[in-house]
N, C-alpha and C. Protein backbone atom coordinates (compact mmCIF):
# COMPACT_ATOMS: atom_id res chain seq x y z
N UNK A 1 1.01 -1.27 0.24
CA UNK A 1 0.22 -0.03 -0.38
C UNK A 1 0.79 1.13 0.11
N UNK A 2 0.47 2.05 -1.06
CA UNK A 2 1.74 3.26 -1.04
C UNK A 2 1.05 4.46 -0.73
N UNK A 3 1.32 4.77 0.51
CA UNK A 3 0.69 6.16 1.12
C UNK A 3 1.81 7.19 1.15
N UNK A 4 2.46 7.45 0.10
CA UNK A 4 3.87 8.16 -0.28
C UNK A 4 3.02 9.73 -0.12
N UNK A 5 4.25 10.75 -0.53
CA UNK A 5 3.93 11.98 -0.35
C UNK A 5 3.07 12.08 -1.75
N UNK A 6 3.54 11.21 -2.85
CA UNK A 6 2.89 11.42 -4.29
C UNK A 6 1.42 11.07 -3.98
N UNK A 7 1.22 10.15 -3.16
CA UNK A 7 0.01 9.63 -2.87
C UNK A 7 -1.13 10.76 -2.55
N UNK A 8 -0.49 11.30 -1.16
CA UNK A 8 -1.49 12.50 -0.77
C UNK A 8 -1.50 13.59 -1.49
N UNK A 9 -0.46 13.78 -2.39
CA UNK A 9 -0.36 15.24 -3.18
C UNK A 9 -1.34 14.99 -4.45
N UNK A 10 -1.48 13.76 -4.96
CA UNK A 10 -2.48 13.59 -5.69
C UNK A 10 -3.83 13.75 -5.35
N UNK A 11 -4.19 13.33 -3.94
CA UNK A 11 -5.61 13.59 -3.22
C UNK A 11 -5.85 14.96 -3.30
N UNK A 12 -4.91 15.68 -3.17
CA UNK A 12 -5.24 17.08 -3.01
C UNK A 12 -5.34 17.87 -4.65
N UNK A 13 -4.46 17.44 -5.40
CA UNK A 13 -4.69 18.00 -6.57
C UNK A 13 -6.00 17.41 -7.24
N UNK A 14 -6.69 16.27 -7.38
CA UNK A 14 -7.85 15.80 -7.71
C UNK A 14 -8.93 16.19 -6.80
N UNK A 15 -8.55 16.90 -5.57
CA UNK A 15 -9.78 17.34 -4.76
C UNK A 15 -10.59 16.21 -4.32
N UNK A 16 -10.00 14.99 -4.17
CA UNK A 16 -10.35 13.74 -3.46
C UNK A 16 -9.62 13.87 -1.88
N UNK A 17 -10.73 14.63 -1.22
CA UNK A 17 -10.18 14.76 0.19
C UNK A 17 -11.58 14.82 1.11
N UNK A 18 -11.90 13.65 0.97
CA UNK A 18 -13.35 13.48 1.60
C UNK A 18 -13.57 13.80 3.25
N UNK A 19 -12.02 13.50 3.63
CA UNK A 19 -12.09 13.62 5.08
C UNK A 19 -11.94 15.36 5.86
N UNK A 20 -11.83 16.17 4.74
CA UNK A 20 -11.50 17.49 4.97
C UNK A 20 -12.90 18.09 5.21
N UNK A 21 -13.27 18.49 6.42
CA UNK A 21 -14.81 18.96 6.61
C UNK A 21 -15.16 20.50 5.99
N UNK A 22 -13.96 21.13 5.89
CA UNK A 22 -13.62 22.33 5.78
C UNK A 22 -14.05 23.28 6.65
N UNK A 23 -13.93 23.02 7.96
CA UNK A 23 -13.64 23.79 8.77
C UNK A 23 -13.16 22.97 10.01
N UNK A 24 -12.99 23.95 11.49
CA UNK A 24 -12.23 23.19 12.61
C UNK A 24 -13.53 22.28 12.95
N UNK A 25 -13.16 21.00 13.33
CA UNK A 25 -14.11 19.74 13.93
C UNK A 25 -14.70 20.30 15.25
N UNK A 26 -15.71 20.59 15.15
CA UNK A 26 -16.60 21.02 16.60
C UNK A 26 -15.97 20.37 17.83
N UNK A 27 -15.66 18.80 18.02
CA UNK A 27 -15.04 18.59 19.32
C UNK A 27 -13.77 19.42 19.57
N UNK A 28 -12.82 19.44 18.51
CA UNK A 28 -11.68 19.95 18.59
C UNK A 28 -11.72 21.50 19.09
N UNK A 29 -12.79 21.92 18.41
CA UNK A 29 -13.15 23.57 18.60
C UNK A 29 -13.44 24.11 19.90
N UNK A 30 -14.36 22.93 20.60
CA UNK A 30 -14.62 22.90 22.12
C UNK A 30 -13.56 22.54 22.69
N UNK A 31 -12.86 22.06 22.53
CA UNK A 31 -11.35 21.56 23.39
C UNK A 31 -10.76 22.70 23.19
N UNK A 32 -10.24 23.42 22.16
CA UNK A 32 -9.56 24.61 21.78
C UNK A 32 -10.08 25.89 22.69
N UNK A 33 -11.27 25.70 22.75
CA UNK A 33 -12.04 26.99 23.37
C UNK A 33 -11.47 27.37 24.85
N UNK A 34 -11.24 26.03 25.29
CA UNK A 34 -11.20 26.29 26.73
C UNK A 34 -9.59 25.82 27.48
N UNK A 35 -8.98 25.93 26.54
CA UNK A 35 -7.48 26.04 26.47
C UNK A 35 -7.12 27.76 26.97
N UNK A 36 -6.46 27.71 28.19
CA UNK A 36 -5.90 28.94 28.53
C UNK A 36 -4.38 29.14 28.06
N UNK A 37 -3.57 28.50 28.15
CA UNK A 37 -2.25 28.83 27.72
C UNK A 37 -1.91 29.00 26.42
N UNK A 38 -1.68 30.18 26.17
CA UNK A 38 -1.62 30.44 24.54
C UNK A 38 -0.17 30.30 24.32
N UNK A 39 0.94 29.94 25.05
CA UNK A 39 2.21 29.59 24.71
C UNK A 39 2.25 28.00 24.43
N UNK A 40 1.42 27.57 24.64
CA UNK A 40 1.21 25.79 24.38
C UNK A 40 2.18 25.50 23.25
N UNK A 41 2.85 24.74 23.04
CA UNK A 41 3.63 24.18 21.42
C UNK A 41 2.73 23.30 21.30
N UNK A 42 2.24 23.15 19.78
CA UNK A 42 1.15 22.19 19.31
C UNK A 42 1.31 21.79 18.09
N UNK A 43 1.62 20.70 17.87
CA UNK A 43 1.47 19.93 16.68
C UNK A 43 0.28 19.21 16.19
N UNK A 44 0.06 19.62 15.06
CA UNK A 44 -0.93 18.45 14.20
C UNK A 44 -0.52 17.98 13.23
N UNK A 45 -0.15 16.54 13.49
CA UNK A 45 0.49 15.67 12.51
C UNK A 45 -0.47 15.21 11.26
N UNK A 46 0.03 15.09 10.11
CA UNK A 46 -0.86 15.04 8.98
C UNK A 46 -1.76 15.86 8.96
N UNK A 47 -1.45 16.93 9.12
CA UNK A 47 -2.62 18.09 9.31
C UNK A 47 -3.35 18.54 7.95
N UNK A 48 -2.84 18.08 6.74
CA UNK A 48 -3.54 18.68 5.67
C UNK A 48 -3.58 20.17 5.58
N UNK A 49 -5.07 20.33 5.26
CA UNK A 49 -5.37 21.63 5.21
C UNK A 49 -5.77 22.25 6.46
N UNK A 50 -5.55 21.47 7.45
CA UNK A 50 -5.53 21.92 9.12
C UNK A 50 -6.27 23.03 9.12
N UNK A 51 -7.65 23.24 9.30
CA UNK A 51 -8.71 24.11 9.74
C UNK A 51 -8.36 24.32 10.94
N UNK A 52 -7.95 23.25 11.98
CA UNK A 52 -7.55 23.09 13.48
C UNK A 52 -6.32 24.11 13.56
N UNK A 53 -5.22 23.88 12.75
CA UNK A 53 -4.36 24.94 12.83
C UNK A 53 -4.90 26.32 12.77
N UNK A 54 -5.65 26.45 11.42
CA UNK A 54 -6.03 27.93 11.37
C UNK A 54 -6.69 28.41 12.61
N UNK A 55 -7.73 27.58 12.95
CA UNK A 55 -8.52 28.16 14.20
C UNK A 55 -7.48 28.65 15.58
N UNK A 56 -6.89 27.82 15.98
CA UNK A 56 -5.83 27.91 17.11
C UNK A 56 -5.15 29.06 16.67
N UNK A 57 -4.50 29.31 15.65
CA UNK A 57 -3.52 30.26 15.17
C UNK A 57 -4.34 31.60 15.33
N UNK A 58 -5.54 31.98 14.57
CA UNK A 58 -6.36 32.90 14.76
C UNK A 58 -6.97 33.10 16.30
N UNK A 59 -6.90 32.35 17.16
CA UNK A 59 -7.10 32.29 18.34
C UNK A 59 -6.09 33.05 19.31
N UNK A 60 -5.12 33.24 18.71
CA UNK A 60 -3.94 33.83 19.69
C UNK A 60 -2.98 32.72 19.91
N UNK A 61 -3.04 31.42 19.49
CA UNK A 61 -1.93 30.63 19.76
C UNK A 61 -0.74 30.58 18.74
N UNK A 62 0.02 30.99 19.37
CA UNK A 62 1.38 31.46 17.91
C UNK A 62 2.53 30.32 18.09
N UNK A 63 2.68 29.26 18.81
CA UNK A 63 3.46 28.06 18.62
C UNK A 63 2.57 27.02 18.13
N UNK A 64 2.00 27.07 17.01
CA UNK A 64 1.26 25.99 16.40
C UNK A 64 2.21 25.57 15.18
N UNK A 65 2.31 23.99 15.07
CA UNK A 65 3.18 23.34 14.17
C UNK A 65 2.54 22.26 13.07
N UNK A 66 2.61 22.51 12.00
CA UNK A 66 1.75 21.16 11.25
C UNK A 66 2.66 20.69 10.51
N UNK A 67 2.76 19.36 10.81
CA UNK A 67 3.68 18.59 9.41
C UNK A 67 2.96 17.71 8.86
N UNK A 68 3.42 17.53 7.46
CA UNK A 68 2.57 16.88 6.12
C UNK A 68 3.56 16.53 5.33
N UNK A 69 3.30 15.71 4.64
CA UNK A 69 4.15 14.52 3.57
C UNK A 69 3.53 15.39 2.23
N UNK A 70 2.51 16.20 2.35
CA UNK A 70 2.04 16.80 0.82
C UNK A 70 2.40 18.13 1.29
N UNK A 71 3.28 18.65 0.25
CA UNK A 71 3.82 20.13 0.08
C UNK A 71 2.38 20.75 -0.35
N UNK A 72 1.38 20.30 -1.20
CA UNK A 72 0.09 21.05 -1.80
C UNK A 72 -0.48 21.55 -0.42
N UNK A 73 -0.70 20.31 0.68
CA UNK A 73 -1.59 20.91 1.70
C UNK A 73 -0.93 21.85 2.46
N UNK A 74 0.48 22.13 2.39
CA UNK A 74 0.84 22.88 3.24
C UNK A 74 0.74 24.43 2.62
N UNK A 75 1.10 24.51 1.58
CA UNK A 75 0.87 25.49 0.73
C UNK A 75 -0.44 26.09 0.54
N UNK A 76 -1.60 25.00 0.90
CA UNK A 76 -2.86 25.45 0.97
C UNK A 76 -3.30 26.50 2.42
N UNK A 77 -2.68 25.90 3.34
CA UNK A 77 -2.50 26.42 4.64
C UNK A 77 -2.15 27.91 4.35
N UNK A 78 -0.79 28.06 4.03
CA UNK A 78 -0.21 29.46 3.51
C UNK A 78 -0.99 30.37 2.97
N UNK A 79 -1.62 29.72 1.94
CA UNK A 79 -2.79 30.67 0.92
C UNK A 79 -3.73 31.15 2.10
N UNK A 80 -4.38 30.27 2.94
CA UNK A 80 -5.30 30.90 3.64
C UNK A 80 -4.95 31.74 4.57
N UNK A 81 -3.87 31.51 5.55
CA UNK A 81 -3.26 32.42 6.40
C UNK A 81 -1.81 32.81 5.70
N UNK A 82 -1.76 33.77 5.27
CA UNK A 82 -0.52 34.32 5.13
C UNK A 82 0.44 34.65 6.13
N UNK A 83 -0.32 34.87 7.13
CA UNK A 83 1.03 35.29 8.30
C UNK A 83 1.07 34.11 9.25
N UNK A 84 1.10 32.83 8.86
CA UNK A 84 1.41 31.71 9.46
C UNK A 84 2.97 31.62 9.12
N UNK A 85 3.60 31.19 10.37
CA UNK A 85 5.07 31.14 10.19
C UNK A 85 5.36 30.17 9.21
N UNK A 86 6.14 30.32 8.10
CA UNK A 86 6.86 29.29 7.37
C UNK A 86 7.35 27.88 7.87
N UNK A 87 8.32 28.37 9.04
CA UNK A 87 9.26 27.45 9.82
C UNK A 87 8.49 26.62 10.68
N UNK A 88 6.97 27.05 11.01
CA UNK A 88 6.00 26.04 11.36
C UNK A 88 5.25 25.01 10.41
N UNK A 89 5.30 25.48 9.34
CA UNK A 89 4.64 24.32 8.35
C UNK A 89 5.93 23.30 7.84
N UNK A 90 5.65 22.34 8.52
CA UNK A 90 6.76 21.04 8.16
C UNK A 90 6.76 20.55 7.31
N UNK A 91 7.50 20.55 6.21
CA UNK A 91 7.58 19.43 5.23
C UNK A 91 8.11 18.28 5.46
N UNK A 92 7.51 17.30 5.89
CA UNK A 92 8.16 16.01 6.48
C UNK A 92 7.58 14.81 6.92
N UNK A 93 7.85 13.50 6.70
CA UNK A 93 7.24 12.82 7.45
C UNK A 93 7.42 12.77 9.05
N UNK A 94 6.22 12.63 9.47
CA UNK A 94 5.88 12.66 11.09
C UNK A 94 6.99 11.68 11.76
N UNK A 95 7.20 10.45 11.16
CA UNK A 95 8.22 9.85 11.95
C UNK A 95 9.61 10.12 12.01
N UNK A 96 9.79 11.13 11.42
CA UNK A 96 11.14 11.97 11.61
C UNK A 96 11.30 13.24 12.25
N UNK A 97 10.01 13.40 12.85
CA UNK A 97 10.37 14.53 13.71
C UNK A 97 11.41 14.44 14.69
N UNK A 98 11.84 15.57 15.18
CA UNK A 98 12.95 15.38 16.42
C UNK A 98 12.59 16.46 16.94
N UNK A 99 11.54 17.49 16.94
CA UNK A 99 11.19 18.53 18.27
C UNK A 99 10.05 17.93 18.94
N UNK A 100 9.88 18.42 20.21
CA UNK A 100 9.09 17.99 21.12
C UNK A 100 7.86 19.20 21.07
N UNK A 101 6.70 18.69 22.05
CA UNK A 101 5.70 19.46 21.86
C UNK A 101 4.80 19.23 23.11
N UNK A 102 4.13 20.35 23.63
CA UNK A 102 3.51 20.30 24.96
C UNK A 102 1.87 19.39 24.56
N UNK A 103 1.29 19.37 23.47
CA UNK A 103 0.05 19.04 23.13
C UNK A 103 0.18 18.64 21.57
N UNK A 104 -0.12 17.46 21.30
CA UNK A 104 -0.24 16.88 19.76
C UNK A 104 -1.75 16.71 19.92
N UNK A 105 -2.37 17.12 18.42
CA UNK A 105 -3.83 17.05 18.05
C UNK A 105 -3.99 15.95 16.95
N UNK A 106 -4.88 15.19 17.49
CA UNK A 106 -5.05 13.88 16.61
C UNK A 106 -6.41 14.12 15.67
N UNK A 107 -6.27 14.45 14.58
CA UNK A 107 -7.29 14.63 13.85
C UNK A 107 -7.21 14.06 12.40
N UNK A 108 -7.85 12.85 11.95
CA UNK A 108 -7.54 12.05 10.83
C UNK A 108 -6.49 11.58 10.55
N UNK A 109 -5.36 11.71 11.06
CA UNK A 109 -3.97 11.13 11.00
C UNK A 109 -3.50 9.86 11.33
N UNK A 110 -4.07 9.33 12.33
CA UNK A 110 -4.11 7.79 12.98
C UNK A 110 -4.82 6.98 11.93
N UNK A 111 -5.68 7.34 11.31
CA UNK A 111 -6.69 6.39 10.50
C UNK A 111 -6.16 6.48 8.97
N UNK A 112 -5.07 7.52 8.43
CA UNK A 112 -4.73 7.80 7.36
C UNK A 112 -3.40 6.87 7.06
N UNK A 113 -2.70 6.34 8.03
CA UNK A 113 -1.49 5.91 8.06
C UNK A 113 -1.68 4.10 7.93
N UNK A 114 -0.97 3.75 7.39
CA UNK A 114 -0.83 2.06 7.13
C UNK A 114 -1.18 1.79 8.67
N UNK A 115 -1.94 0.94 8.60
CA UNK A 115 -2.29 0.35 10.45
C UNK A 115 -0.99 -0.69 10.82
N UNK A 116 -0.17 -1.39 10.01
CA UNK A 116 1.06 -1.54 10.45
C UNK A 116 1.80 -0.89 11.04
N UNK A 117 1.70 0.84 11.35
CA UNK A 117 2.63 1.46 11.55
C UNK A 117 2.00 2.33 13.04
N UNK A 118 0.68 1.66 13.60
CA UNK A 118 0.20 1.86 14.66
C UNK A 118 1.03 2.08 15.85
N UNK A 119 1.85 1.09 16.18
CA UNK A 119 2.65 0.82 17.35
C UNK A 119 3.59 1.97 17.18
N UNK A 120 4.15 2.07 15.96
CA UNK A 120 5.42 2.96 15.59
C UNK A 120 4.76 4.25 16.08
N UNK A 121 3.57 4.64 15.68
CA UNK A 121 2.87 5.95 15.80
C UNK A 121 2.74 6.25 17.58
N UNK A 122 2.49 5.11 18.24
CA UNK A 122 2.43 5.36 19.40
C UNK A 122 3.92 5.64 20.45
N UNK A 123 5.02 5.07 19.60
CA UNK A 123 6.04 5.07 20.61
C UNK A 123 6.55 6.72 20.08
N UNK A 124 6.20 7.04 18.84
CA UNK A 124 6.77 8.33 18.17
C UNK A 124 6.13 9.20 18.93
N UNK A 125 4.85 9.28 19.16
CA UNK A 125 3.75 10.15 19.75
C UNK A 125 4.33 10.26 21.40
N UNK A 126 4.72 9.15 22.13
CA UNK A 126 5.24 9.47 23.30
C UNK A 126 6.84 10.01 23.40
N UNK A 127 7.75 9.95 22.45
CA UNK A 127 8.66 10.76 22.37
C UNK A 127 9.09 11.83 21.84
N UNK A 128 7.95 12.21 21.18
CA UNK A 128 7.82 13.60 20.77
C UNK A 128 6.96 14.72 21.64
N UNK A 129 6.56 14.05 22.65
CA UNK A 129 5.69 15.03 23.96
C UNK A 129 6.40 14.97 24.94
N UNK A 130 6.48 16.40 25.38
CA UNK A 130 7.62 16.74 26.75
C UNK A 130 6.56 15.72 27.97
N UNK A 131 7.19 15.87 29.05
CA UNK A 131 6.87 15.28 30.22
C UNK A 131 5.45 16.04 30.52
N UNK A 132 4.67 15.26 30.98
CA UNK A 132 3.23 15.60 31.09
C UNK A 132 2.28 15.98 29.59
N UNK A 133 2.92 15.93 28.53
CA UNK A 133 2.46 16.21 27.20
C UNK A 133 1.12 15.70 27.19
N UNK A 134 0.04 16.24 26.09
CA UNK A 134 -1.01 15.32 26.25
C UNK A 134 -1.12 15.26 24.35
N UNK A 135 -1.75 14.04 23.98
CA UNK A 135 -2.31 13.25 22.71
C UNK A 135 -3.75 13.77 22.80
N UNK A 136 -4.58 14.59 22.22
CA UNK A 136 -5.95 14.67 22.17
C UNK A 136 -6.35 14.85 20.93
N UNK A 137 -7.36 14.20 20.73
CA UNK A 137 -8.02 14.37 19.41
C UNK A 137 -9.28 13.38 19.41
N UNK A 138 -9.47 12.97 18.10
CA UNK A 138 -10.51 11.77 17.41
C UNK A 138 -9.80 10.90 17.02
N UNK A 139 -10.15 9.64 17.27
CA UNK A 139 -10.09 8.49 16.67
C UNK A 139 -11.49 7.81 16.00
N UNK A 140 -11.42 7.19 14.67
CA UNK A 140 -12.49 6.68 14.48
C UNK A 140 -12.76 5.24 15.48
N UNK A 141 -14.57 5.37 15.59
CA UNK A 141 -14.54 3.90 16.37
C UNK A 141 -15.51 3.51 15.16
N UNK A 142 -15.03 2.87 14.08
CA UNK A 142 -16.11 2.06 13.46
C UNK A 142 -14.97 1.35 12.35
N UNK A 143 -15.68 0.27 11.69
CA UNK A 143 -14.99 -0.54 10.94
C UNK A 143 -14.70 0.33 9.38
N UNK A 144 -13.96 0.73 8.95
CA UNK A 144 -14.14 1.26 7.55
C UNK A 144 -13.23 0.51 6.55
N UNK A 145 -12.15 1.06 6.04
CA UNK A 145 -11.40 0.27 4.94
C UNK A 145 -10.42 -0.73 5.13
N UNK A 146 -10.33 -1.62 4.50
CA UNK A 146 -8.98 -2.56 4.64
C UNK A 146 -7.48 -2.10 3.93
N UNK A 147 -8.12 -1.65 2.59
CA UNK A 147 -7.08 -1.46 1.72
C UNK A 147 -6.47 0.06 1.48
N UNK A 148 -7.52 0.70 1.78
CA UNK A 148 -6.90 2.28 1.74
C UNK A 148 -7.72 2.92 2.80
N UNK A 149 -6.87 4.28 2.93
CA UNK A 149 -7.46 5.10 4.13
C UNK A 149 -8.72 5.86 3.80
N UNK A 150 -9.57 6.16 4.86
CA UNK A 150 -9.24 5.95 6.19
C UNK A 150 -9.46 4.42 6.55
N UNK A 151 -8.58 4.10 7.47
CA UNK A 151 -8.80 2.69 8.22
C UNK A 151 -9.26 2.98 9.73
N UNK A 152 -9.91 1.95 10.14
CA UNK A 152 -10.88 2.30 11.28
C UNK A 152 -10.20 1.62 12.50
N UNK A 153 -11.19 1.23 13.54
CA UNK A 153 -10.44 0.75 14.77
C UNK A 153 -11.49 0.80 15.71
N UNK A 154 -11.22 0.29 16.83
CA UNK A 154 -12.41 0.57 17.89
C UNK A 154 -11.69 0.53 19.34
N UNK A 155 -12.40 0.88 20.41
CA UNK A 155 -11.76 1.13 21.64
C UNK A 155 -10.73 0.23 22.40
N UNK A 156 -11.31 -1.02 21.99
CA UNK A 156 -10.17 -2.00 22.83
C UNK A 156 -8.89 -2.07 22.11
N UNK A 157 -8.85 -2.19 20.82
CA UNK A 157 -7.90 -1.97 19.85
C UNK A 157 -6.80 -0.79 20.31
N UNK A 158 -7.51 0.51 20.45
CA UNK A 158 -6.50 1.61 20.68
C UNK A 158 -5.93 1.56 22.07
N UNK A 159 -6.75 0.72 22.81
CA UNK A 159 -6.51 0.85 24.46
C UNK A 159 -5.07 -0.16 24.67
N UNK A 160 -4.89 -1.33 23.60
CA UNK A 160 -3.90 -1.87 23.32
C UNK A 160 -2.44 -1.23 22.97
N UNK A 161 -2.86 -0.32 22.38
CA UNK A 161 -1.67 0.36 21.77
C UNK A 161 -1.26 1.35 22.79
N UNK A 162 -1.99 1.97 23.42
CA UNK A 162 -1.96 3.33 23.92
C UNK A 162 -1.64 3.33 25.73
N UNK A 163 -2.29 2.28 26.00
CA UNK A 163 -1.86 2.15 27.51
C UNK A 163 -0.51 1.69 27.93
N UNK A 164 0.25 0.94 27.24
CA UNK A 164 1.62 1.06 27.94
C UNK A 164 2.33 2.32 28.11
N UNK A 165 1.66 3.35 27.34
CA UNK A 165 2.68 4.47 27.15
C UNK A 165 2.19 5.56 27.45
N UNK A 166 0.79 5.33 27.74
CA UNK A 166 -0.04 6.65 28.15
C UNK A 166 -0.95 6.43 29.53
N UNK A 167 -1.48 7.66 30.12
CA UNK A 167 -2.26 7.35 31.02
C UNK A 167 -3.83 8.01 30.11
N UNK A 168 -4.71 7.02 30.51
CA UNK A 168 -6.05 7.47 29.30
C UNK A 168 -6.57 8.37 30.44
N UNK A 169 -6.61 9.31 29.82
CA UNK A 169 -7.34 10.45 30.68
C UNK A 169 -9.22 10.73 30.32
N UNK A 170 -9.13 10.27 29.25
CA UNK A 170 -10.36 10.00 28.40
C UNK A 170 -10.44 9.46 26.96
N UNK A 171 -11.48 8.59 26.77
CA UNK A 171 -11.59 7.77 25.81
C UNK A 171 -13.51 7.48 25.56
N UNK A 172 -13.86 8.44 25.09
CA UNK A 172 -15.55 8.33 25.32
C UNK A 172 -16.05 8.81 23.69
N UNK A 173 -17.12 8.07 23.55
CA UNK A 173 -17.99 8.38 22.62
C UNK A 173 -18.10 9.87 22.21
N UNK A 174 -18.06 10.41 21.24
CA UNK A 174 -17.97 11.89 21.24
C UNK A 174 -19.53 12.63 21.02
N UNK A 175 -19.76 13.18 21.40
CA UNK A 175 -21.17 13.71 21.55
C UNK A 175 -21.26 14.83 20.67
N UNK A 176 -20.28 15.52 20.05
CA UNK A 176 -20.58 16.62 19.38
C UNK A 176 -19.88 16.49 18.09
N UNK A 177 -19.58 15.46 17.32
CA UNK A 177 -19.16 14.86 16.25
C UNK A 177 -19.63 16.08 15.20
N UNK A 178 -18.91 16.08 13.79
CA UNK A 178 -19.50 16.90 12.76
C UNK A 178 -20.53 15.87 12.23
N UNK A 179 -21.46 16.30 11.65
CA UNK A 179 -22.77 15.37 11.48
C UNK A 179 -22.42 14.26 10.47
N UNK A 180 -21.77 14.06 9.45
CA UNK A 180 -21.32 13.01 8.73
C UNK A 180 -20.41 11.73 9.68
N UNK A 181 -19.81 12.32 11.02
CA UNK A 181 -19.04 11.47 11.76
C UNK A 181 -20.16 11.05 13.07
N UNK A 182 -21.39 11.51 13.20
CA UNK A 182 -21.88 10.95 14.44
C UNK A 182 -21.76 9.63 14.49
N UNK A 183 -21.70 9.27 15.79
CA UNK A 183 -21.67 7.71 16.27
C UNK A 183 -20.46 6.89 15.61
N UNK A 184 -19.71 7.97 15.05
CA UNK A 184 -18.22 6.96 14.77
C UNK A 184 -16.90 7.34 15.24
N UNK A 185 -17.26 8.31 16.34
CA UNK A 185 -15.95 8.83 16.74
C UNK A 185 -15.82 8.76 18.09
N UNK A 186 -14.44 8.58 18.75
CA UNK A 186 -13.91 8.73 20.21
C UNK A 186 -13.26 9.83 20.39
N UNK A 187 -13.71 10.88 21.06
CA UNK A 187 -12.85 11.86 21.75
C UNK A 187 -11.75 11.10 22.67
N UNK A 188 -10.62 11.47 22.53
CA UNK A 188 -9.48 10.82 23.55
C UNK A 188 -8.39 12.29 24.41
N UNK A 189 -8.12 11.62 25.24
CA UNK A 189 -7.27 12.78 25.82
C UNK A 189 -6.10 11.81 26.70
N UNK A 190 -5.00 11.41 26.08
CA UNK A 190 -3.80 10.84 26.66
C UNK A 190 -2.67 11.56 27.12
N UNK A 191 -2.30 11.22 28.51
CA UNK A 191 -1.20 11.87 29.12
C UNK A 191 -0.09 11.34 29.48
N UNK A 192 1.02 11.73 28.62
CA UNK A 192 2.42 11.26 28.88
C UNK A 192 2.83 10.98 30.29
């Protein structure tokens, strides 16, 4: 299964971006709205067009970083938000990141990578979070596709991956999902 930069760039070129809801996801917006520390260093991996990055940046959070293998996705962010710092739009593979963060936002990245990389994702996530850092976001609680993203999963599977590395603060059915994702998402909050 080829999930390379070319694969993702072609998705953007051909506007085959069904995961992109065109706005900040309601559960994440609610989470961001209660954050008080505007200095927190935030990463959005596999951020794509990253309406989440746009929302937090325009809300006064200046330490927001997006990493993506699609140069087109990063250029789309820059076109929408010309003042977004270039150095915070990282054209790279998430697994090659060296920096550390206080908060990582999960939004359709875990379901986009090859499921064989899920254990590696958890280990990498643990390594890039600062002590007491948080991984917060949404995971699909649904059977989706076997041979192409998005790949689904369920709570029991996720617990097996994350429990050895994180304190599970929250993993529950999402009550405020975007309409076409109602009943299909878990809101998660994991503490390193």
